[in-house]
């Protein structure tokens, strides 16, 4: 299953390897579909491929890190 999300990073996480860690901690494959990063904020469109339970755990972990995660409606970034 593939799901797409918008991620909003706080300034403290901009230089951290969050997406790399996501792939190491959970059985998911990630695909960055778009990103815009500045010193104040990071915005990313991320596709996550994996089982529904692994995607749910991965999203929950991102949120515990302080990242805002919002689902993207289908075909927005196709």
PDB file of N, CA and C in Angstrom:
ATOM      1  N   UNK A   1       0.839  -1.164   0.000  1.00  0.00           N
ATOM      2  CA  UNK A   1       0.000   0.000   0.000  1.00  0.00           C
ATOM      3  C   UNK A   1       0.890   1.233   0.000  1.00  0.00           C
ATOM      4  N   UNK A   2       0.470   2.261  -0.732  1.00  0.00           N
ATOM      5  CA  UNK A   2       1.202   3.529  -0.782  1.00  0.00           C
ATOM      6  C   UNK A   2       0.302   4.641  -0.272  1.00  0.00           C
ATOM      7  N   UNK A   3       0.880   5.479   0.564  1.00  0.00           N
ATOM      8  CA  UNK A   3       0.159   6.655   1.046  1.00  0.00           C
ATOM      9  C   UNK A   3       1.079   7.853   0.911  1.00  0.00           C
ATOM     10  N   UNK A   4       0.470   9.033   0.720  1.00  0.00           N
ATOM     11  CA  UNK A   4       1.241  10.261   0.550  1.00  0.00           C
ATOM     12  C   UNK A   4       0.896  11.241   1.662  1.00  0.00           C
ATOM     13  N   UNK A   5       1.924  11.950   2.119  1.00  0.00           N
ATOM     14  CA  UNK A   5       1.762  12.876   3.237  1.00  0.00           C
ATOM     15  C   UNK A   5       2.553  14.151   2.987  1.00  0.00           C
ATOM     16  N   UNK A   6       2.062  15.246   3.576  1.00  0.00           N
ATOM     17  CA  UNK A   6       2.845  16.469   3.687  1.00  0.00           C
ATOM     18  C   UNK A   6       3.482  16.452   5.068  1.00  0.00           C
ATOM     19  N   UNK A   7       4.784  16.685   5.122  1.00  0.00           N
ATOM     20  CA  UNK A   7       5.489  16.779   6.395  1.00  0.00           C
ATOM     21  C   UNK A   7       5.952  18.214   6.580  1.00  0.00           C
ATOM     22  N   UNK A   8       5.778  18.739   7.777  1.00  0.00           N
ATOM     23  CA  UNK A   8       6.278  20.065   8.121  1.00  0.00           C
ATOM     24  C   UNK A   8       7.254  19.892   9.275  1.00  0.00           C
ATOM     25  N   UNK A   9       8.518  20.244   9.010  1.00  0.00           N
ATOM     26  CA  UNK A   9       9.584  20.087   9.987  1.00  0.00           C
ATOM     27  C   UNK A   9       9.795  21.370  10.780  1.00  0.00           C
ATOM     28  N   UNK A  10      10.031  21.257  12.086  1.00  0.00           N
ATOM     29  CA  UNK A  10      10.454  22.431  12.849  1.00  0.00           C
ATOM     30  C   UNK A  10      11.942  22.704  12.579  1.00  0.00           C
ATOM     31  N   UNK A  11      12.414  23.900  12.880  1.00  0.00           N
ATOM     32  CA  UNK A  11      13.822  24.246  12.600  1.00  0.00           C
ATOM     33  C   UNK A  11      14.834  23.299  13.241  1.00  0.00           C
ATOM     34  N   UNK A  12      14.511  22.744  14.388  1.00  0.00           N
ATOM     35  CA  UNK A  12      15.460  21.865  15.087  1.00  0.00           C
ATOM     36  C   UNK A  12      15.716  20.547  14.356  1.00  0.00           C
ATOM     37  N   UNK A  13      14.834  20.154  13.432  1.00  0.00           N
ATOM     38  CA  UNK A  13      14.981  18.870  12.737  1.00  0.00           C
ATOM     39  C   UNK A  13      15.430  18.991  11.282  1.00  0.00           C
ATOM     40  N   UNK A  14      15.603  20.190  10.793  1.00  0.00           N
ATOM     41  CA  UNK A  14      15.887  20.380   9.373  1.00  0.00           C
ATOM     42  C   UNK A  14      17.147  19.636   8.925  1.00  0.00           C
ATOM     43  N   UNK A  15      18.160  19.600   9.768  1.00  0.00           N
ATOM     44  CA  UNK A  15      19.425  18.962   9.376  1.00  0.00           C
ATOM     45  C   UNK A  15      19.535  17.515   9.836  1.00  0.00           C
ATOM     46  N   UNK A  16      18.476  16.982  10.417  1.00  0.00           N
ATOM     47  CA  UNK A  16      18.492  15.600  10.914  1.00  0.00           C
ATOM     48  C   UNK A  16      18.071  14.624   9.807  1.00  0.00           C
ATOM     49  N   UNK A  17      18.638  13.409   9.794  1.00  0.00           N
ATOM     50  CA  UNK A  17      18.315  12.416   8.751  1.00  0.00           C
ATOM     51  C   UNK A  17      17.025  11.649   9.045  1.00  0.00           C
ATOM     52  N   UNK A  18      15.926  12.362   9.181  1.00  0.00           N
ATOM     53  CA  UNK A  18      14.655  11.775   9.624  1.00  0.00           C
ATOM     54  C   UNK A  18      14.146  10.718   8.646  1.00  0.00           C
ATOM     55  N   UNK A  19      14.181  10.986   7.361  1.00  0.00           N
ATOM     56  CA  UNK A  19      13.649  10.035   6.375  1.00  0.00           C
ATOM     57  C   UNK A  19      14.513   8.774   6.325  1.00  0.00           C
ATOM     58  N   UNK A  20      15.812   8.936   6.443  1.00  0.00           N
ATOM     59  CA  UNK A  20      16.711   7.782   6.514  1.00  0.00           C
ATOM     60  C   UNK A  20      16.347   6.917   7.722  1.00  0.00           C
ATOM     61  N   UNK A  21      16.190   7.546   8.879  1.00  0.00           N
ATOM     62  CA  UNK A  21      15.843   6.805  10.099  1.00  0.00           C
ATOM     63  C   UNK A  21      14.486   6.120   9.978  1.00  0.00           C
ATOM     64  N   UNK A  22      13.560   6.765   9.310  1.00  0.00           N
ATOM     65  CA  UNK A  22      12.238   6.184   9.106  1.00  0.00           C
ATOM     66  C   UNK A  22      12.337   4.842   8.378  1.00  0.00           C
ATOM     67  N   UNK A  23      13.164   4.809   7.332  1.00  0.00           N
ATOM     68  CA  UNK A  23      13.356   3.576   6.576  1.00  0.00           C
ATOM     69  C   UNK A  23      14.094   2.502   7.348  1.00  0.00           C
ATOM     70  N   UNK A  24      14.945   2.906   8.296  1.00  0.00           N
ATOM     71  CA  UNK A  24      15.683   1.948   9.116  1.00  0.00           C
ATOM     72  C   UNK A  24      14.822   1.377  10.238  1.00  0.00           C
ATOM     73  N   UNK A  25      13.966   2.217  10.831  1.00  0.00           N
ATOM     74  CA  UNK A  25      13.172   1.802  11.982  1.00  0.00           C
ATOM     75  C   UNK A  25      11.932   0.988  11.609  1.00  0.00           C
ATOM     76  N   UNK A  26      11.403   1.240  10.408  1.00  0.00           N
ATOM     77  CA  UNK A  26      10.149   0.608   9.996  1.00  0.00           C
ATOM     78  C   UNK A  26      10.312  -0.048   8.636  1.00  0.00           C
ATOM     79  N   UNK A  27       9.505  -1.041   8.366  1.00  0.00           N
ATOM     80  CA  UNK A  27       9.567  -1.728   7.081  1.00  0.00           C
ATOM     81  C   UNK A  27       8.727  -0.974   6.064  1.00  0.00           C
ATOM     82  N   UNK A  28       9.253   0.197   5.686  1.00  0.00           N
ATOM     83  CA  UNK A  28       8.596   1.045   4.699  1.00  0.00           C
ATOM     84  C   UNK A  28       9.645   1.529   3.705  1.00  0.00           C
ATOM     85  N   UNK A  29       9.176   1.845   2.524  1.00  0.00           N
ATOM     86  CA  UNK A  29      10.023   2.447   1.499  1.00  0.00           C
ATOM     87  C   UNK A  29       9.502   3.864   1.292  1.00  0.00           C
ATOM     88  N   UNK A  30      10.412   4.825   1.257  1.00  0.00           N
ATOM     89  CA  UNK A  30      10.004   6.221   1.121  1.00  0.00           C
ATOM     90  C   UNK A  30      10.415   6.777  -0.239  1.00  0.00           C
ATOM     91  N   UNK A  31       9.637   7.736  -0.702  1.00  0.00           N
ATOM     92  CA  UNK A  31       9.915   8.420  -1.970  1.00  0.00           C
ATOM     93  C   UNK A  31       9.575   9.892  -1.756  1.00  0.00           C
ATOM     94  N   UNK A  32      10.590  10.740  -1.780  1.00  0.00           N
ATOM     95  CA  UNK A  32      10.361  12.172  -1.614  1.00  0.00           C
ATOM     96  C   UNK A  32       9.854  12.709  -2.937  1.00  0.00           C
ATOM     97  N   UNK A  33       8.624  13.224  -2.923  1.00  0.00           N
ATOM     98  CA  UNK A  33       7.987  13.712  -4.148  1.00  0.00           C
ATOM     99  C   UNK A  33       8.203  15.198  -4.366  1.00  0.00           C
ATOM    100  N   UNK A  34       8.582  15.900  -3.316  1.00  0.00           N
ATOM    101  CA  UNK A  34       8.860  17.327  -3.417  1.00  0.00           C
ATOM    102  C   UNK A  34       9.292  17.832  -2.055  1.00  0.00           C
ATOM    103  N   UNK A  35      10.126  18.868  -2.042  1.00  0.00           N
ATOM    104  CA  UNK A  35      10.577  19.420  -0.767  1.00  0.00           C
ATOM    105  C   UNK A  35      10.977  20.876  -0.939  1.00  0.00           C
ATOM    106  N   UNK A  36      10.823  21.613   0.139  1.00  0.00           N
ATOM    107  CA  UNK A  36      11.240  23.007   0.193  1.00  0.00           C
ATOM    108  C   UNK A  36      11.793  23.215   1.601  1.00  0.00           C
ATOM    109  N   UNK A  37      13.081  23.537   1.684  1.00  0.00           N
ATOM    110  CA  UNK A  37      13.734  23.655   2.984  1.00  0.00           C
ATOM    111  C   UNK A  37      14.386  25.022   3.112  1.00  0.00           C
ATOM    112  N   UNK A  38      14.181  25.654   4.255  1.00  0.00           N
ATOM    113  CA  UNK A  38      14.859  26.908   4.575  1.00  0.00           C
ATOM    114  C   UNK A  38      15.442  26.758   5.979  1.00  0.00           C
ATOM    115  N   UNK A  39      16.048  27.795   6.501  1.00  0.00           N
ATOM    116  CA  UNK A  39      16.581  27.739   7.863  1.00  0.00           C
ATOM    117  C   UNK A  39      15.479  27.721   8.912  1.00  0.00           C
ATOM    118  N   UNK A  40      14.288  28.195   8.548  1.00  0.00           N
ATOM    119  CA  UNK A  40      13.200  28.283   9.513  1.00  0.00           C
ATOM    120  C   UNK A  40      12.241  27.099   9.483  1.00  0.00           C
ATOM    121  N   UNK A  41      12.137  26.410   8.326  1.00  0.00           N
ATOM    122  CA  UNK A  41      11.116  25.374   8.189  1.00  0.00           C
ATOM    123  C   UNK A  41      11.449  24.433   7.031  1.00  0.00           C
ATOM    124  N   UNK A  42      10.978  23.219   7.140  1.00  0.00           N
ATOM    125  CA  UNK A  42      11.091  22.264   6.052  1.00  0.00           C
ATOM    126  C   UNK A  42       9.719  21.728   5.701  1.00  0.00           C
ATOM    127  N   UNK A  43       9.398  21.718   4.415  1.00  0.00           N
ATOM    128  CA  UNK A  43       8.145  21.152   3.927  1.00  0.00           C
ATOM    129  C   UNK A  43       8.475  20.034   2.950  1.00  0.00           C
ATOM    130  N   UNK A  44       7.769  18.921   3.050  1.00  0.00           N
ATOM    131  CA  UNK A  44       8.061  17.786   2.179  1.00  0.00           C
ATOM    132  C   UNK A  44       6.783  17.061   1.809  1.00  0.00           C
ATOM    133  N   UNK A  45       6.710  16.633   0.557  1.00  0.00           N
ATOM    134  CA  UNK A  45       5.667  15.714   0.112  1.00  0.00           C
ATOM    135  C   UNK A  45       6.332  14.339   0.051  1.00  0.00           C
ATOM    136  N   UNK A  46       5.866  13.415   0.864  1.00  0.00           N
ATOM    137  CA  UNK A  46       6.510  12.114   1.004  1.00  0.00           C
ATOM    138  C   UNK A  46       5.523  10.989   0.721  1.00  0.00           C
ATOM    139  N   UNK A  47       5.951  10.038  -0.103  1.00  0.00           N
ATOM    140  CA  UNK A  47       5.177   8.829  -0.364  1.00  0.00           C
ATOM    141  C   UNK A  47       5.792   7.715   0.483  1.00  0.00           C
ATOM    142  N   UNK A  48       4.942   6.990   1.197  1.00  0.00           N
ATOM    143  CA  UNK A  48       5.398   5.876   2.028  1.00  0.00           C
ATOM    144  C   UNK A  48       4.717   4.609   1.537  1.00  0.00           C
ATOM    145  N   UNK A  49       5.526   3.601   1.246  1.00  0.00           N
ATOM    146  CA  UNK A  49       5.041   2.319   0.736  1.00  0.00           C
ATOM    147  C   UNK A  49       5.327   1.245   1.782  1.00  0.00           C
ATOM    148  N   UNK A  50       4.311   0.467   2.132  1.00  0.00           N
ATOM    149  CA  UNK A  50       4.475  -0.615   3.098  1.00  0.00           C
ATOM    150  C   UNK A  50       3.111  -1.103   3.537  1.00  0.00           C
ATOM    151  N   UNK A  51       3.109  -1.973   4.531  1.00  0.00           N
ATOM    152  CA  UNK A  51       1.825  -2.452   5.052  1.00  0.00           C
ATOM    153  C   UNK A  51       1.151  -1.312   5.813  1.00  0.00           C
ATOM    154  N   UNK A  52      -0.159  -1.390   5.936  1.00  0.00           N
ATOM    155  CA  UNK A  52      -0.915  -0.340   6.628  1.00  0.00           C
ATOM    156  C   UNK A  52      -0.421  -0.163   8.056  1.00  0.00           C
ATOM    157  N   UNK A  53      -0.125  -1.258   8.735  1.00  0.00           N
ATOM    158  CA  UNK A  53       0.322  -1.152  10.131  1.00  0.00           C
ATOM    159  C   UNK A  53       1.700  -0.502  10.225  1.00  0.00           C
ATOM    160  N   UNK A  54       2.608  -0.818   9.307  1.00  0.00           N
ATOM    161  CA  UNK A  54       3.933  -0.199   9.329  1.00  0.00           C
ATOM    162  C   UNK A  54       3.852   1.285   8.986  1.00  0.00           C
ATOM    163  N   UNK A  55       2.992   1.638   8.029  1.00  0.00           N
ATOM    164  CA  UNK A  55       2.813   3.052   7.684  1.00  0.00           C
ATOM    165  C   UNK A  55       2.261   3.799   8.894  1.00  0.00           C
ATOM    166  N   UNK A  56       1.283   3.222   9.575  1.00  0.00           N
ATOM    167  CA  UNK A  56       0.709   3.862  10.766  1.00  0.00           C
ATOM    168  C   UNK A  56       1.773   4.065  11.844  1.00  0.00           C
ATOM    169  N   UNK A  57       2.611   3.055  12.071  1.00  0.00           N
ATOM    170  CA  UNK A  57       3.672   3.175  13.075  1.00  0.00           C
ATOM    171  C   UNK A  57       4.690   4.227  12.657  1.00  0.00           C
ATOM    172  N   UNK A  58       5.024   4.265  11.371  1.00  0.00           N
ATOM    173  CA  UNK A  58       5.988   5.247  10.868  1.00  0.00           C
ATOM    174  C   UNK A  58       5.457   6.671  11.034  1.00  0.00           C
ATOM    175  N   UNK A  59       4.194   6.878  10.699  1.00  0.00           N
ATOM    176  CA  UNK A  59       3.580   8.201  10.833  1.00  0.00           C
ATOM    177  C   UNK A  59       3.523   8.606  12.310  1.00  0.00           C
ATOM    178  N   UNK A  60       3.175   7.684  13.172  1.00  0.00           N
ATOM    179  CA  UNK A  60       3.122   7.979  14.610  1.00  0.00           C
ATOM    180  C   UNK A  60       4.513   8.381  15.110  1.00  0.00           C
ATOM    181  N   UNK A  61       5.552   7.692  14.653  1.00  0.00           N
ATOM    182  CA  UNK A  61       6.917   8.027  15.056  1.00  0.00           C
ATOM    183  C   UNK A  61       7.299   9.421  14.577  1.00  0.00           C
ATOM    184  N   UNK A  62       6.973   9.746  13.311  1.00  0.00           N
ATOM    185  CA  UNK A  62       7.267  11.089  12.801  1.00  0.00           C
ATOM    186  C   UNK A  62       6.630  12.148  13.695  1.00  0.00           C
ATOM    187  N   UNK A  63       5.402  11.918  14.099  1.00  0.00           N
ATOM    188  CA  UNK A  63       4.705  12.886  14.958  1.00  0.00           C
ATOM    189  C   UNK A  63       5.373  13.015  16.320  1.00  0.00           C
ATOM    190  N   UNK A  64       5.878  11.904  16.876  1.00  0.00           N
ATOM    191  CA  UNK A  64       6.567  11.984  18.170  1.00  0.00           C
ATOM    192  C   UNK A  64       7.872  12.765  18.050  1.00  0.00           C
ATOM    193  N   UNK A  65       8.422  12.843  16.852  1.00  0.00           N
ATOM    194  CA  UNK A  65       9.652  13.607  16.625  1.00  0.00           C
ATOM    195  C   UNK A  65       9.385  15.111  16.527  1.00  0.00           C
ATOM    196  N   UNK A  66       8.115  15.510  16.438  1.00  0.00           N
ATOM    197  CA  UNK A  66       7.764  16.915  16.333  1.00  0.00           C
ATOM    198  C   UNK A  66       7.440  17.364  14.925  1.00  0.00           C
ATOM    199  N   UNK A  67       7.256  16.408  14.024  1.00  0.00           N
ATOM    200  CA  UNK A  67       6.927  16.708  12.629  1.00  0.00           C
ATOM    201  C   UNK A  67       5.412  16.662  12.464  1.00  0.00           C
ATOM    202  N   UNK A  68       4.868  17.669  11.803  1.00  0.00           N
ATOM    203  CA  UNK A  68       3.443  17.675  11.484  1.00  0.00           C
ATOM    204  C   UNK A  68       3.240  16.817  10.244  1.00  0.00           C
ATOM    205  N   UNK A  69       2.331  15.857  10.313  1.00  0.00           N
ATOM    206  CA  UNK A  69       2.072  14.935   9.212  1.00  0.00           C
ATOM    207  C   UNK A  69       0.613  15.067   8.796  1.00  0.00           C
ATOM    208  N   UNK A  70       0.395  15.401   7.518  1.00  0.00           N
ATOM    209  CA  UNK A  70      -0.963  15.540   6.997  1.00  0.00           C
ATOM    210  C   UNK A  70      -1.107  14.694   5.741  1.00  0.00           C
ATOM    211  N   UNK A  71      -2.178  13.909   5.622  1.00  0.00           N
ATOM    212  CA  UNK A  71      -2.384  13.099   4.413  1.00  0.00           C
ATOM    213  C   UNK A  71      -2.605  13.987   3.186  1.00  0.00           C
ATOM    214  N   UNK A  72      -2.144  13.516   2.055  1.00  0.00           N
ATOM    215  CA  UNK A  72      -2.373  14.199   0.772  1.00  0.00           C
ATOM    216  C   UNK A  72      -3.485  13.455   0.052  1.00  0.00           C
ATOM    217  N   UNK A  73      -4.435  14.193  -0.457  1.00  0.00           N
ATOM    218  CA  UNK A  73      -5.505  13.578  -1.233  1.00  0.00           C
ATOM    219  C   UNK A  73      -4.938  12.942  -2.497  1.00  0.00           C
ATOM    220  N   UNK A  74      -5.560  11.920  -2.993  1.00  0.00           N
ATOM    221  CA  UNK A  74      -5.100  11.216  -4.195  1.00  0.00           C
ATOM    222  C   UNK A  74      -4.942  12.153  -5.382  1.00  0.00           C
ATOM    223  N   UNK A  75      -3.929  11.884  -6.204  1.00  0.00           N
ATOM    224  CA  UNK A  75      -3.644  12.576  -7.454  1.00  0.00           C
ATOM    225  C   UNK A  75      -3.171  14.026  -7.322  1.00  0.00           C
ATOM    226  N   UNK A  76      -2.907  14.483  -6.099  1.00  0.00           N
ATOM    227  CA  UNK A  76      -2.433  15.854  -5.949  1.00  0.00           C
ATOM    228  C   UNK A  76      -1.022  15.997  -6.507  1.00  0.00           C
ATOM    229  N   UNK A  77      -0.145  15.004  -6.275  1.00  0.00           N
ATOM    230  CA  UNK A  77       1.227  15.101  -6.753  1.00  0.00           C
ATOM    231  C   UNK A  77       1.576  13.946  -7.696  1.00  0.00           C
ATOM    232  N   UNK A  78       0.618  13.395  -8.357  1.00  0.00           N
ATOM    233  CA  UNK A  78       0.856  12.289  -9.291  1.00  0.00           C
ATOM    234  C   UNK A  78       1.679  12.747 -10.466  1.00  0.00           C
TER     235      UNK A  78
END
